[in-house]
C-alpha atoms as a PDB file:
ATOM      1  CA  MET A   1      -0.078  -2.788 -17.368  1.00  0.00           C
ATOM      2  CA  ASP A   2       0.145   0.852 -16.309  1.00  0.00           C
ATOM      3  CA  LYS A   3       2.508   1.956 -13.598  1.00  0.00           C
ATOM      4  CA  PRO A   4       1.001   2.835 -10.230  1.00  0.00           C
ATOM      5  CA  VAL A   5       0.801   6.431  -9.048  1.00  0.00           C
ATOM      6  CA  VAL A   6       3.430   7.283  -6.428  1.00  0.00           C
ATOM      7  CA  ALA A   7       1.278   8.390  -3.488  1.00  0.00           C
ATOM      8  CA  ASP A   8       4.338   9.453  -1.452  1.00  0.00           C
ATOM      9  CA  THR A   9       8.095   8.949  -1.515  1.00  0.00           C
ATOM     10  CA  LYS A  10       8.245   7.530   1.994  1.00  0.00           C
ATOM     11  CA  PRO A  11       6.309   4.800   3.801  1.00  0.00           C
ATOM     12  CA  ILE A  12       3.601   5.371   6.366  1.00  0.00           C
ATOM     13  CA  VAL A  13       4.289   3.758   9.732  1.00  0.00           C
ATOM     14  CA  LEU A  14       1.134   2.705  11.575  1.00  0.00           C
ATOM     15  CA  ASP A  15       0.217   0.836  14.747  1.00  0.00           C
ATOM     16  CA  LEU A  16      -2.271  -1.686  13.375  1.00  0.00           C
ATOM     17  CA  GLN A  17      -4.693  -3.923  15.247  1.00  0.00           C
ATOM     18  CA  ALA A  18      -5.055  -7.611  14.422  1.00  0.00           C
ATOM     19  CA  GLY A  19      -7.363  -8.065  11.453  1.00  0.00           C
ATOM     20  CA  SER A  20      -7.609  -7.815   7.673  1.00  0.00           C
ATOM     21  CA  TYR A  21      -6.791  -4.749   5.606  1.00  0.00           C
ATOM     22  CA  TRP A  22      -6.907  -3.856   1.895  1.00  0.00           C
ATOM     23  CA  TRP A  23      -3.765  -2.055   0.703  1.00  0.00           C
ATOM     24  CA  CYS A  24      -4.055   0.279  -2.308  1.00  0.00           C
ATOM     25  CA  SER A  25      -1.773  -0.934  -5.106  1.00  0.00           C
ATOM     26  CA  CYS A  26      -2.683   1.688  -7.717  1.00  0.00           C
ATOM     27  CA  GLY A  27      -1.722   4.778  -5.694  1.00  0.00           C
ATOM     28  CA  LYS A  28      -4.947   6.621  -6.560  1.00  0.00           C
ATOM     29  CA  SER A  29      -6.845   6.103  -3.303  1.00  0.00           C
ATOM     30  CA  ALA A  30      -7.646   9.252  -1.338  1.00  0.00           C
ATOM     31  CA  GLY A  31      -7.433   7.155   1.836  1.00  0.00           C
ATOM     32  CA  GLN A  32      -3.826   5.957   1.535  1.00  0.00           C
ATOM     33  CA  PRO A  33      -2.562   3.395   2.298  1.00  0.00           C
ATOM     34  CA  TYR A  34      -5.966   1.715   2.075  1.00  0.00           C
ATOM     35  CA  CYS A  35      -8.067   1.029  -1.013  1.00  0.00           C
ATOM     36  CA  ASP A  36     -11.103   3.239  -1.666  1.00  0.00           C
ATOM     37  CA  GLY A  37     -12.038   1.716  -5.041  1.00  0.00           C
ATOM     38  CA  SER A  38     -10.177   4.280  -7.173  1.00  0.00           C
ATOM     39  CA  HIS A  39      -8.516   1.440  -9.111  1.00  0.00           C
ATOM     40  CA  LYS A  40     -11.767   0.503 -10.855  1.00  0.00           C
ATOM     41  CA  GLY A  41     -11.278   0.336 -14.611  1.00  0.00           C
ATOM     42  CA  SER A  42      -7.514  -0.077 -14.311  1.00  0.00           C
ATOM     43  CA  GLY A  43      -5.341  -3.178 -14.253  1.00  0.00           C
ATOM     44  CA  PHE A  44      -4.803  -2.799 -10.507  1.00  0.00           C
ATOM     45  CA  ALA A  45      -6.500  -4.516  -7.599  1.00  0.00           C
ATOM     46  CA  PRO A  46      -6.128  -3.976  -3.875  1.00  0.00           C
ATOM     47  CA  GLN A  47      -4.073  -6.460  -1.912  1.00  0.00           C
ATOM     48  CA  GLN A  48      -5.499  -7.956   1.240  1.00  0.00           C
ATOM     49  CA  PHE A  49      -3.186  -8.552   4.171  1.00  0.00           C
ATOM     50  CA  THR A  50      -3.991  -9.974   7.571  1.00  0.00           C
ATOM     51  CA  LEU A  51      -2.265  -9.405  10.881  1.00  0.00           C
ATOM     52  CA  GLU A  52      -2.571 -12.033  13.586  1.00  0.00           C
ATOM     53  CA  LYS A  53      -1.626  -9.598  16.348  1.00  0.00           C
ATOM     54  CA  GLU A  54      -1.302  -5.863  16.953  1.00  0.00           C
ATOM     55  CA  GLN A  55       1.917  -4.536  15.438  1.00  0.00           C
ATOM     56  CA  LYS A  56       3.685  -1.550  13.956  1.00  0.00           C
ATOM     57  CA  ALA A  57       3.987  -1.726  10.171  1.00  0.00           C
ATOM     58  CA  ALA A  58       5.700   0.426   7.536  1.00  0.00           C
ATOM     59  CA  LEU A  59       3.337   0.330   4.565  1.00  0.00           C
ATOM     60  CA  CYS A  60       4.554   1.286   1.107  1.00  0.00           C
ATOM     61  CA  LEU A  61       3.194   4.480  -0.434  1.00  0.00           C
ATOM     62  CA  CYS A  62       5.487   4.661  -3.481  1.00  0.00           C
ATOM     63  CA  LYS A  63       3.798   1.475  -4.785  1.00  0.00           C
ATOM     64  CA  GLN A  64       7.146   0.149  -6.093  1.00  0.00           C
ATOM     65  CA  THR A  65       7.807  -2.361  -3.282  1.00  0.00           C
ATOM     66  CA  GLY A  66       8.734  -5.933  -4.061  1.00  0.00           C
ATOM     67  CA  ASN A  67       7.067  -7.009  -0.796  1.00  0.00           C
ATOM     68  CA  PRO A  68       3.579  -5.461  -0.854  1.00  0.00           C
ATOM     69  CA  PRO A  69       2.103  -3.986   1.255  1.00  0.00           C
ATOM     70  CA  TYR A  70       5.296  -3.460   3.241  1.00  0.00           C
ATOM     71  CA  CYS A  71       7.996  -0.928   2.438  1.00  0.00           C
ATOM     72  CA  ASP A  72      11.232  -2.471   1.154  1.00  0.00           C
ATOM     73  CA  GLY A  73      13.103   0.788   0.548  1.00  0.00           C
ATOM     74  CA  SER A  74      12.210   1.026  -3.150  1.00  0.00           C
ATOM     75  CA  HIS A  75      11.252   4.691  -2.656  1.00  0.00           C
ATOM     76  CA  ALA A  76      14.975   5.504  -2.287  1.00  0.00           C
ATOM     77  CA  LYS A  77      15.428   4.691  -6.006  1.00  0.00           C
ATOM     78  CA  LEU A  78      12.757   7.147  -7.221  1.00  0.00           C
END
């Protein structure tokens, strides 16, 4: 499988409402960190995540995290 595009070398920290979201795993979405369908035709697929309550979240933009969609510091190794 191809490697994802690094959308940024730092996470995006957002205050998110409870609900379901689709995180971009390919790095090609123009609406980072969310999927816009740019992965079509690749080996990538968006990853759904659901929050039960409102919370602050650091979402990965380097696409190298071992804990998608959340940042695990992998961007520090780029």
